[in-house]
Amino acid sequence: MKKSGLVTYGKVYKIRGERANASQDLIAVEEPLQIRLEYVYKEAWHEKNLMVTMRSPGHDFDLAMGFLFAEGIIQGEKDILWMRYCEKVKKEEQGNVLVVRLADGLDFDSQVLDRNFYTHSSCGVCGKTAIDAVQAKLEKIRPGDNKKMSYQTLFTLQDAALVNQTGFKYTGGLHAASLFDSDGNLILLREDVGRHNALDKLVGAALREGMSLQKDRIVVLSGRVSFEMVQKAVRAGIPMLAAAGAPTNLSVDLAEDKGLTLIGFLKKDRFNIYTHAGRIMDSG
């Protein structure tokens, strides 16, 4: 298959009733990305193969920054000296090995580097100990003076995001995370084969571009809402998270505890509010 960014062409057999036709069709691209971390420990530089994730090629710097931020390794763009692709790799690995050098003197919990960060497109945190650790580290989202979002505005968000999901439009195989303001204006969108990667890319892009993720903001997800998706949103200070699919019980519990407004089953004419409904304006 010839690869080109988010999508590639491949031969498929399309079955329509009793007829089968061979044709070329667009397919979502999925490739592994390895992130290598360089950091100072005990006055010496160290290198760590931090993670491997299956992702859609593109916006890899956003993905790396969003992931490192979500894990608490960095607090912002200033904590990274540089990011670049490793050149001393096999031909098939070119563009798929990313080196991130952290700022000298950066204070972070080095034990987090001992986690097994091998991930895939539907991964999540595992085990009660890991979940308890996540909950303990996350700060609550302040109620603040956020502008309330109307029912009518919420009804428009899925279509507004879908129009800009180029990869999904051609393949049907990509997730998206979209950032809107409270008036329903699209600010930023990222796509990826993995739900978690899409949100990491969105958060990373916002950090790199100096965009606010907090006051009067809502993030819309194309899929369901797991515990880790809420974790990433809370870590970034996002006040409202809406999704086309269903939330899990753990995601609802975490959203309730940390002050996040969580919305599921967002459609053109309906949605469910699971937590902190005060940020939503009654249509009446």
C-alpha atoms as a PDB file:
ATOM      1  CA  MET A   1       0.000   0.000   0.000  1.00  0.00           C
ATOM      2  CA  LYS A   2       1.220   3.510  -0.799  1.00  0.00           C
ATOM      3  CA  LYS A   3       1.047   5.691   2.317  1.00  0.00           C
ATOM      4  CA  SER A   4       0.289   9.408   2.327  1.00  0.00           C
ATOM      5  CA  GLY A   5      -0.358  11.025   5.687  1.00  0.00           C
ATOM      6  CA  LEU A   6      -3.641  10.088   7.322  1.00  0.00           C
ATOM      7  CA  VAL A   7      -4.921   7.943   4.440  1.00  0.00           C
ATOM      8  CA  THR A   8      -3.665   5.507   1.816  1.00  0.00           C
ATOM      9  CA  TYR A   9      -5.078   3.632  -1.168  1.00  0.00           C
ATOM     10  CA  GLY A  10      -5.713  -0.098  -1.036  1.00  0.00           C
ATOM     11  CA  LYS A  11      -7.470  -2.734  -3.131  1.00  0.00           C
ATOM     12  CA  VAL A  12     -10.851  -3.826  -1.793  1.00  0.00           C
ATOM     13  CA  TYR A  13     -13.734  -5.979  -2.959  1.00  0.00           C
ATOM     14  CA  LYS A  14     -17.033  -4.183  -2.583  1.00  0.00           C
ATOM     15  CA  ILE A  15     -20.012  -6.479  -2.199  1.00  0.00           C
ATOM     16  CA  ARG A  16     -23.364  -5.019  -3.210  1.00  0.00           C
ATOM     17  CA  GLY A  17     -26.121  -7.594  -3.074  1.00  0.00           C
ATOM     18  CA  GLU A  18     -24.920 -10.513  -5.214  1.00  0.00           C
ATOM     19  CA  ARG A  19     -22.248  -8.529  -7.058  1.00  0.00           C
ATOM     20  CA  ALA A  20     -18.559  -8.143  -6.169  1.00  0.00           C
ATOM     21  CA  ASN A  21     -16.423  -5.392  -7.665  1.00  0.00           C
ATOM     22  CA  ALA A  22     -12.693  -4.867  -7.177  1.00  0.00           C
ATOM     23  CA  SER A  23     -11.683  -1.253  -6.732  1.00  0.00           C
ATOM     24  CA  GLN A  24      -9.243   1.118  -5.048  1.00  0.00           C
ATOM     25  CA  ASP A  25     -10.449   2.680  -1.828  1.00  0.00           C
ATOM     26  CA  LEU A  26      -9.051   4.989   0.851  1.00  0.00           C
ATOM     27  CA  ILE A  27      -7.923   3.365   4.111  1.00  0.00           C
ATOM     28  CA  ALA A  28      -6.805   5.021   7.339  1.00  0.00           C
ATOM     29  CA  VAL A  29      -3.031   4.781   7.954  1.00  0.00           C
ATOM     30  CA  GLU A  30      -1.801   3.361  11.261  1.00  0.00           C
ATOM     31  CA  GLU A  31       1.903   3.247  12.158  1.00  0.00           C
ATOM     32  CA  PRO A  32       3.895   2.841  15.378  1.00  0.00           C
ATOM     33  CA  LEU A  33       5.510   5.896  16.958  1.00  0.00           C
ATOM     34  CA  GLN A  34       8.294   5.449  19.488  1.00  0.00           C
ATOM     35  CA  ILE A  35       9.016   8.360  21.824  1.00  0.00           C
ATOM     36  CA  ARG A  36      12.495   8.513  23.313  1.00  0.00           C
ATOM     37  CA  LEU A  37      12.999  10.825  26.260  1.00  0.00           C
ATOM     38  CA  GLU A  38      16.300  12.555  27.074  1.00  0.00           C
ATOM     39  CA  TYR A  39      16.574  14.074  30.552  1.00  0.00           C
ATOM     40  CA  VAL A  40      19.029  14.963  33.307  1.00  0.00           C
ATOM     41  CA  TYR A  41      19.195  12.707  36.356  1.00  0.00           C
ATOM     42  CA  LYS A  42      21.919  13.007  39.011  1.00  0.00           C
ATOM     43  CA  GLU A  43      23.779  15.552  36.876  1.00  0.00           C
ATOM     44  CA  ALA A  44      24.023  13.226  33.878  1.00  0.00           C
ATOM     45  CA  TRP A  45      22.004  12.933  30.689  1.00  0.00           C
ATOM     46  CA  HIS A  46      19.927   9.776  30.314  1.00  0.00           C
ATOM     47  CA  GLU A  47      17.869   8.357  27.466  1.00  0.00           C
ATOM     48  CA  LYS A  48      14.696   6.346  27.965  1.00  0.00           C
ATOM     49  CA  ASN A  49      12.509   4.615  25.392  1.00  0.00           C
ATOM     50  CA  LEU A  50       9.352   5.974  26.950  1.00  0.00           C
ATOM     51  CA  MET A  51       6.519   4.583  24.879  1.00  0.00           C
ATOM     52  CA  VAL A  52       5.326   3.036  21.643  1.00  0.00           C
ATOM     53  CA  THR A  53       1.882   3.957  20.417  1.00  0.00           C
ATOM     54  CA  MET A  54      -0.033   3.033  17.292  1.00  0.00           C
ATOM     55  CA  ARG A  55      -1.096   6.316  15.745  1.00  0.00           C
ATOM     56  CA  SER A  56      -2.024   8.137  12.551  1.00  0.00           C
ATOM     57  CA  PRO A  57       1.098   9.848  11.146  1.00  0.00           C
ATOM     58  CA  GLY A  58       1.069  13.624  11.461  1.00  0.00           C
ATOM     59  CA  HIS A  59       1.079  16.126  14.341  1.00  0.00           C
ATOM     60  CA  ASP A  60       3.521  13.867  16.203  1.00  0.00           C
ATOM     61  CA  PHE A  61       5.006  16.796  18.153  1.00  0.00           C
ATOM     62  CA  ASP A  62       1.501  17.672  19.371  1.00  0.00           C
ATOM     63  CA  LEU A  63       0.962  14.037  20.360  1.00  0.00           C
ATOM     64  CA  ALA A  64       4.233  13.853  22.303  1.00  0.00           C
ATOM     65  CA  MET A  65       3.624  17.124  24.132  1.00  0.00           C
ATOM     66  CA  GLY A  66       0.024  16.242  24.988  1.00  0.00           C
ATOM     67  CA  PHE A  67       1.027  12.825  26.282  1.00  0.00           C
ATOM     68  CA  LEU A  68       3.908  14.138  28.417  1.00  0.00           C
ATOM     69  CA  PHE A  69       1.615  16.823  29.822  1.00  0.00           C
ATOM     70  CA  ALA A  70      -1.147  14.324  30.614  1.00  0.00           C
ATOM     71  CA  GLU A  71       1.338  12.123  32.473  1.00  0.00           C
ATOM     72  CA  GLY A  72       2.641  15.057  34.529  1.00  0.00           C
ATOM     73  CA  ILE A  73       6.163  14.814  33.114  1.00  0.00           C
ATOM     74  CA  ILE A  74       5.975  18.382  31.793  1.00  0.00           C
ATOM     75  CA  GLN A  75       3.877  21.390  32.777  1.00  0.00           C
ATOM     76  CA  GLY A  76       4.098  23.204  29.447  1.00  0.00           C
ATOM     77  CA  GLU A  77       6.106  23.831  26.282  1.00  0.00           C
ATOM     78  CA  LYS A  78       8.912  25.554  28.210  1.00  0.00           C
ATOM     79  CA  ASP A  79       9.843  22.194  29.771  1.00  0.00           C
ATOM     80  CA  ILE A  80      10.961  20.808  26.395  1.00  0.00           C
ATOM     81  CA  LEU A  81      14.263  21.919  24.869  1.00  0.00           C
ATOM     82  CA  TRP A  82      13.556  20.369  21.490  1.00  0.00           C
ATOM     83  CA  MET A  83      11.843  17.561  19.632  1.00  0.00           C
ATOM     84  CA  ARG A  84      13.153  15.892  16.475  1.00  0.00           C
ATOM     85  CA  TYR A  85      12.880  12.652  14.539  1.00  0.00           C
ATOM     86  CA  CYS A  86      15.757  10.235  15.029  1.00  0.00           C
ATOM     87  CA  GLU A  87      17.793   9.886  11.821  1.00  0.00           C
ATOM     88  CA  LYS A  88      19.839   6.819  12.816  1.00  0.00           C
ATOM     89  CA  VAL A  89      17.056   4.303  12.244  1.00  0.00           C
ATOM     90  CA  LYS A  90      16.104   1.701   9.682  1.00  0.00           C
ATOM     91  CA  LYS A  91      14.425   2.938   6.515  1.00  0.00           C
ATOM     92  CA  GLU A  92      11.023   1.609   7.590  1.00  0.00           C
ATOM     93  CA  GLU A  93      11.358   3.441  10.941  1.00  0.00           C
ATOM     94  CA  GLN A  94      12.060   6.864   9.444  1.00  0.00           C
ATOM     95  CA  GLY A  95       9.558   9.405  10.731  1.00  0.00           C
ATOM     96  CA  ASN A  96       8.398   6.959  13.404  1.00  0.00           C
ATOM     97  CA  VAL A  97      11.001   7.513  16.152  1.00  0.00           C
ATOM     98  CA  LEU A  98      10.710  10.829  17.976  1.00  0.00           C
ATOM     99  CA  VAL A  99      13.331  12.133  20.416  1.00  0.00           C
ATOM    100  CA  VAL A 100      12.213  14.616  23.083  1.00  0.00           C
ATOM    101  CA  ARG A 101      14.854  16.385  25.170  1.00  0.00           C
ATOM    102  CA  LEU A 102      13.588  17.827  28.460  1.00  0.00           C
ATOM    103  CA  ALA A 103      14.921  21.037  29.954  1.00  0.00           C
ATOM    104  CA  ASP A 104      17.846  20.687  32.339  1.00  0.00           C
ATOM    105  CA  GLY A 105      16.692  20.966  35.949  1.00  0.00           C
ATOM    106  CA  LEU A 106      13.108  19.914  35.226  1.00  0.00           C
ATOM    107  CA  ASP A 107      11.583  18.479  38.389  1.00  0.00           C
ATOM    108  CA  PHE A 108       9.324  15.495  37.766  1.00  0.00           C
ATOM    109  CA  ASP A 109       8.611  12.140  39.351  1.00  0.00           C
ATOM    110  CA  SER A 110      11.156   9.839  37.699  1.00  0.00           C
ATOM    111  CA  GLN A 111       9.150   6.805  38.873  1.00  0.00           C
ATOM    112  CA  VAL A 112       6.568   7.576  36.199  1.00  0.00           C
ATOM    113  CA  LEU A 113       9.209   6.544  33.663  1.00  0.00           C
ATOM    114  CA  ASP A 114       9.089   3.014  35.063  1.00  0.00           C
ATOM    115  CA  ARG A 115       5.523   2.553  33.808  1.00  0.00           C
ATOM    116  CA  ASN A 116       5.067   0.319  30.813  1.00  0.00           C
ATOM    117  CA  PHE A 117       3.948   2.837  28.226  1.00  0.00           C
ATOM    118  CA  TYR A 118       3.404   0.358  25.374  1.00  0.00           C
ATOM    119  CA  THR A 119       0.011   1.480  24.112  1.00  0.00           C
ATOM    120  CA  HIS A 120      -2.320   0.907  21.206  1.00  0.00           C
ATOM    121  CA  SER A 121      -5.297   2.647  19.637  1.00  0.00           C
ATOM    122  CA  SER A 122      -7.765   1.687  22.390  1.00  0.00           C
ATOM    123  CA  CYS A 123      -5.492   1.548  25.429  1.00  0.00           C
ATOM    124  CA  GLY A 124      -6.188   2.900  28.895  1.00  0.00           C
ATOM    125  CA  VAL A 125      -4.874   2.841  32.416  1.00  0.00           C
ATOM    126  CA  CYS A 126      -5.014  -0.528  34.150  1.00  0.00           C
ATOM    127  CA  GLY A 127      -5.597  -1.573  37.736  1.00  0.00           C
ATOM    128  CA  LYS A 128      -7.100   0.006  40.845  1.00  0.00           C
ATOM    129  CA  THR A 129      -3.713   1.237  42.041  1.00  0.00           C
ATOM    130  CA  ALA A 130      -3.141   3.171  38.815  1.00  0.00           C
ATOM    131  CA  ILE A 131      -6.656   4.642  38.959  1.00  0.00           C
ATOM    132  CA  ASP A 132      -6.268   5.757  42.572  1.00  0.00           C
ATOM    133  CA  ALA A 133      -2.917   7.343  41.720  1.00  0.00           C
ATOM    134  CA  VAL A 134      -4.474   9.290  38.846  1.00  0.00           C
ATOM    135  CA  GLN A 135      -7.331  10.565  41.006  1.00  0.00           C
ATOM    136  CA  ALA A 136      -4.984  11.692  43.752  1.00  0.00           C
ATOM    137  CA  LYS A 137      -2.769  13.724  41.410  1.00  0.00           C
ATOM    138  CA  LEU A 138      -5.504  15.587  39.543  1.00  0.00           C
ATOM    139  CA  GLU A 139      -6.648  19.003  40.743  1.00  0.00           C
ATOM    140  CA  LYS A 140     -10.324  19.913  40.682  1.00  0.00           C
ATOM    141  CA  ILE A 141     -11.605  22.188  37.939  1.00  0.00           C
ATOM    142  CA  ARG A 142     -12.767  25.456  39.454  1.00  0.00           C
ATOM    143  CA  PRO A 143     -16.411  26.419  38.851  1.00  0.00           C
ATOM    144  CA  GLY A 144     -15.244  29.879  37.730  1.00  0.00           C
ATOM    145  CA  ASP A 145     -17.455  32.259  35.794  1.00  0.00           C
ATOM    146  CA  ASN A 146     -17.708  30.286  32.582  1.00  0.00           C
ATOM    147  CA  LYS A 147     -20.317  31.426  30.114  1.00  0.00           C
ATOM    148  CA  LYS A 148     -23.140  28.893  29.999  1.00  0.00           C
ATOM    149  CA  MET A 149     -23.608  26.904  26.806  1.00  0.00           C
ATOM    150  CA  SER A 150     -27.101  26.611  25.355  1.00  0.00           C
ATOM    151  CA  TYR A 151     -28.831  23.421  24.252  1.00  0.00           C
ATOM    152  CA  GLN A 152     -29.062  24.831  20.716  1.00  0.00           C
ATOM    153  CA  THR A 153     -25.300  25.405  20.516  1.00  0.00           C
ATOM    154  CA  LEU A 154     -24.552  21.901  21.758  1.00  0.00           C
ATOM    155  CA  PHE A 155     -26.820  20.422  19.104  1.00  0.00           C
ATOM    156  CA  THR A 156     -24.595  21.960  16.375  1.00  0.00           C
ATOM    157  CA  LEU A 157     -21.210  20.735  17.616  1.00  0.00           C
ATOM    158  CA  GLN A 158     -21.055  17.224  16.153  1.00  0.00           C
ATOM    159  CA  ASP A 159     -21.867  18.429  12.631  1.00  0.00           C
ATOM    160  CA  ALA A 160     -19.445  21.335  12.963  1.00  0.00           C
ATOM    161  CA  ALA A 161     -16.676  18.912  13.929  1.00  0.00           C
ATOM    162  CA  LEU A 162     -17.585  16.328  11.270  1.00  0.00           C
ATOM    163  CA  VAL A 163     -17.308  18.878   8.462  1.00  0.00           C
ATOM    164  CA  ASN A 164     -13.660  19.399   9.389  1.00  0.00           C
ATOM    165  CA  GLN A 165     -12.745  15.712   9.929  1.00  0.00           C
ATOM    166  CA  THR A 166     -11.005  15.194   6.598  1.00  0.00           C
ATOM    167  CA  GLY A 167      -9.512  11.802   7.421  1.00  0.00           C
ATOM    168  CA  PHE A 168     -12.790  10.395   8.716  1.00  0.00           C
ATOM    169  CA  LYS A 169     -14.657  11.778   5.734  1.00  0.00           C
ATOM    170  CA  TYR A 170     -12.588   9.669   3.335  1.00  0.00           C
ATOM    171  CA  THR A 171     -12.029   6.526   5.409  1.00  0.00           C
ATOM    172  CA  GLY A 172     -14.518   6.314   8.279  1.00  0.00           C
ATOM    173  CA  GLY A 173     -11.574   5.018  10.323  1.00  0.00           C
ATOM    174  CA  LEU A 174     -10.367   7.976  12.400  1.00  0.00           C
ATOM    175  CA  HIS A 175     -11.391   9.519  15.700  1.00  0.00           C
ATOM    176  CA  ALA A 176     -11.375  13.252  16.372  1.00  0.00           C
ATOM    177  CA  ALA A 177     -11.083  15.627  19.309  1.00  0.00           C
ATOM    178  CA  SER A 178     -12.384  19.144  18.677  1.00  0.00           C
ATOM    179  CA  LEU A 179     -12.091  22.332  20.719  1.00  0.00           C
ATOM    180  CA  PHE A 180     -14.979  24.838  20.642  1.00  0.00           C
ATOM    181  CA  ASP A 181     -15.782  28.047  22.469  1.00  0.00           C
ATOM    182  CA  SER A 182     -19.093  28.455  24.292  1.00  0.00           C
ATOM    183  CA  ASP A 183     -20.682  30.054  21.200  1.00  0.00           C
ATOM    184  CA  GLY A 184     -19.994  26.939  19.134  1.00  0.00           C
ATOM    185  CA  ASN A 185     -17.031  28.285  17.133  1.00  0.00           C
ATOM    186  CA  LEU A 186     -14.488  25.616  16.196  1.00  0.00           C
ATOM    187  CA  ILE A 187     -11.018  26.576  17.436  1.00  0.00           C
ATOM    188  CA  LEU A 188      -8.922  23.451  16.884  1.00  0.00           C
ATOM    189  CA  LEU A 189      -9.329  19.854  15.710  1.00  0.00           C
ATOM    190  CA  ARG A 190      -7.057  16.819  15.618  1.00  0.00           C
ATOM    191  CA  GLU A 191      -7.670  13.352  14.148  1.00  0.00           C
ATOM    192  CA  ASP A 192      -6.057  10.005  14.891  1.00  0.00           C
ATOM    193  CA  VAL A 193      -6.785   6.304  14.655  1.00  0.00           C
ATOM    194  CA  GLY A 194      -6.696   6.266  18.483  1.00  0.00           C
ATOM    195  CA  ARG A 195      -9.156   8.153  20.677  1.00  0.00           C
ATOM    196  CA  HIS A 196      -6.495   8.862  23.292  1.00  0.00           C
ATOM    197  CA  ASN A 197      -4.007  10.039  20.677  1.00  0.00           C
ATOM    198  CA  ALA A 198      -6.526  12.450  19.158  1.00  0.00           C
ATOM    199  CA  LEU A 199      -7.077  14.116  22.536  1.00  0.00           C
ATOM    200  CA  ASP A 200      -3.337  14.190  23.294  1.00  0.00           C
ATOM    201  CA  LYS A 201      -2.736  15.832  19.921  1.00  0.00           C
ATOM    202  CA  LEU A 202      -5.420  18.435  20.624  1.00  0.00           C
ATOM    203  CA  VAL A 203      -4.030  19.294  24.075  1.00  0.00           C
ATOM    204  CA  GLY A 204      -0.455  19.298  22.773  1.00  0.00           C
ATOM    205  CA  ALA A 205      -1.353  21.599  19.876  1.00  0.00           C
ATOM    206  CA  ALA A 206      -3.113  24.013  22.224  1.00  0.00           C
ATOM    207  CA  LEU A 207      -0.072  24.094  24.515  1.00  0.00           C
ATOM    208  CA  ARG A 208       2.324  24.678  21.619  1.00  0.00           C
ATOM    209  CA  GLU A 209       0.156  27.447  20.141  1.00  0.00           C
ATOM    210  CA  GLY A 210      -0.631  29.148  23.460  1.00  0.00           C
ATOM    211  CA  MET A 211      -4.372  28.488  23.220  1.00  0.00           C
ATOM    212  CA  SER A 212      -6.620  28.402  26.275  1.00  0.00           C
ATOM    213  CA  LEU A 213      -8.326  25.092  27.054  1.00  0.00           C
ATOM    214  CA  GLN A 214     -10.156  26.399  30.076  1.00  0.00           C
ATOM    215  CA  LYS A 215     -12.572  29.311  30.389  1.00  0.00           C
ATOM    216  CA  ASP A 216     -15.563  29.090  28.021  1.00  0.00           C
ATOM    217  CA  ARG A 217     -14.256  25.987  26.269  1.00  0.00           C
ATOM    218  CA  ILE A 218     -15.669  22.560  25.440  1.00  0.00           C
ATOM    219  CA  VAL A 219     -13.955  19.550  23.863  1.00  0.00           C
ATOM    220  CA  VAL A 220     -16.029  17.223  21.679  1.00  0.00           C
ATOM    221  CA  LEU A 221     -14.981  13.602  21.125  1.00  0.00           C
ATOM    222  CA  SER A 222     -16.095  11.403  18.253  1.00  0.00           C
ATOM    223  CA  GLY A 223     -16.285   8.196  20.298  1.00  0.00           C
ATOM    224  CA  ARG A 224     -17.064   7.011  23.800  1.00  0.00           C
ATOM    225  CA  VAL A 225     -15.656   8.436  27.053  1.00  0.00           C
ATOM    226  CA  SER A 226     -13.348   6.266  29.142  1.00  0.00           C
ATOM    227  CA  PHE A 227     -11.691   7.018  32.473  1.00  0.00           C
ATOM    228  CA  GLU A 228      -8.455   8.030  30.775  1.00  0.00           C
ATOM    229  CA  MET A 229     -10.176  10.488  28.448  1.00  0.00           C
ATOM    230  CA  VAL A 230     -11.646  12.302  31.455  1.00  0.00           C
ATOM    231  CA  GLN A 231      -8.248  12.127  33.162  1.00  0.00           C
ATOM    232  CA  LYS A 232      -6.613  13.917  30.231  1.00  0.00           C
ATOM    233  CA  ALA A 233      -9.366  16.545  30.106  1.00  0.00           C
ATOM    234  CA  VAL A 234      -9.184  17.292  33.824  1.00  0.00           C
ATOM    235  CA  ARG A 235      -5.394  17.468  33.718  1.00  0.00           C
ATOM    236  CA  ALA A 236      -5.684  20.132  30.989  1.00  0.00           C
ATOM    237  CA  GLY A 237      -8.327  22.068  32.950  1.00  0.00           C
ATOM    238  CA  ILE A 238     -11.020  21.566  30.302  1.00  0.00           C
ATOM    239  CA  PRO A 239     -14.361  22.456  31.962  1.00  0.00           C
ATOM    240  CA  MET A 240     -16.700  20.580  29.585  1.00  0.00           C
ATOM    241  CA  LEU A 241     -16.268  17.311  27.698  1.00  0.00           C
ATOM    242  CA  ALA A 242     -18.884  16.007  25.262  1.00  0.00           C
ATOM    243  CA  ALA A 243     -18.885  12.832  23.212  1.00  0.00           C
ATOM    244  CA  ALA A 244     -20.911  11.115  20.525  1.00  0.00           C
ATOM    245  CA  GLY A 245     -20.841   7.894  22.521  1.00  0.00           C
ATOM    246  CA  ALA A 246     -21.395   6.676  26.046  1.00  0.00           C
ATOM    247  CA  PRO A 247     -19.291   7.317  29.152  1.00  0.00           C
ATOM    248  CA  THR A 248     -18.155   4.553  31.476  1.00  0.00           C
ATOM    249  CA  ASN A 249     -19.039   4.518  35.166  1.00  0.00           C
ATOM    250  CA  LEU A 250     -15.441   5.347  36.134  1.00  0.00           C
ATOM    251  CA  SER A 251     -15.360   8.321  33.774  1.00  0.00           C
ATOM    252  CA  VAL A 252     -18.575   9.654  35.319  1.00  0.00           C
ATOM    253  CA  ASP A 253     -17.219   9.182  38.844  1.00  0.00           C
ATOM    254  CA  LEU A 254     -13.980  10.997  38.008  1.00  0.00           C
ATOM    255  CA  ALA A 255     -15.793  13.850  36.233  1.00  0.00           C
ATOM    256  CA  GLU A 256     -18.127  14.304  39.205  1.00  0.00           C
ATOM    257  CA  ASP A 257     -15.270  14.314  41.700  1.00  0.00           C
ATOM    258  CA  LYS A 258     -13.090  16.753  39.723  1.00  0.00           C
ATOM    259  CA  GLY A 259     -15.733  19.269  38.655  1.00  0.00           C
ATOM    260  CA  LEU A 260     -15.921  18.410  34.935  1.00  0.00           C
ATOM    261  CA  THR A 261     -19.185  18.734  33.021  1.00  0.00           C
ATOM    262  CA  LEU A 262     -19.563  15.435  31.168  1.00  0.00           C
ATOM    263  CA  ILE A 263     -21.966  15.004  28.245  1.00  0.00           C
ATOM    264  CA  GLY A 264     -22.645  11.782  26.339  1.00  0.00           C
ATOM    265  CA  PHE A 265     -24.677  10.682  23.306  1.00  0.00           C
ATOM    266  CA  LEU A 266     -24.384  14.144  21.748  1.00  0.00           C
ATOM    267  CA  LYS A 267     -26.597  14.283  18.647  1.00  0.00           C
ATOM    268  CA  LYS A 268     -28.353  16.915  16.541  1.00  0.00           C
ATOM    269  CA  ASP A 269     -31.382  16.987  18.835  1.00  0.00           C
ATOM    270  CA  ARG A 270     -30.416  15.322  22.133  1.00  0.00           C
ATOM    271  CA  PHE A 271     -27.691  14.586  24.665  1.00  0.00           C
ATOM    272  CA  ASN A 272     -27.261  13.365  28.234  1.00  0.00           C
ATOM    273  CA  ILE A 273     -25.638  15.421  30.997  1.00  0.00           C
ATOM    274  CA  TYR A 274     -23.952  13.160  33.548  1.00  0.00           C
ATOM    275  CA  THR A 275     -22.174  15.641  35.822  1.00  0.00           C
ATOM    276  CA  HIS A 276     -22.106  19.338  36.746  1.00  0.00           C
ATOM    277  CA  ALA A 277     -25.055  20.494  34.630  1.00  0.00           C
ATOM    278  CA  GLY A 278     -24.673  24.063  35.881  1.00  0.00           C
ATOM    279  CA  ARG A 279     -22.523  24.996  32.876  1.00  0.00           C
ATOM    280  CA  ILE A 280     -25.410  24.189  30.513  1.00  0.00           C
ATOM    281  CA  MET A 281     -28.167  26.745  29.919  1.00  0.00           C
ATOM    282  CA  ASP A 282     -31.753  25.466  30.110  1.00  0.00           C
ATOM    283  CA  SER A 283     -33.455  25.992  26.743  1.00  0.00           C
ATOM    284  CA  GLY A 284     -36.538  27.220  28.527  1.00  0.00           C
END
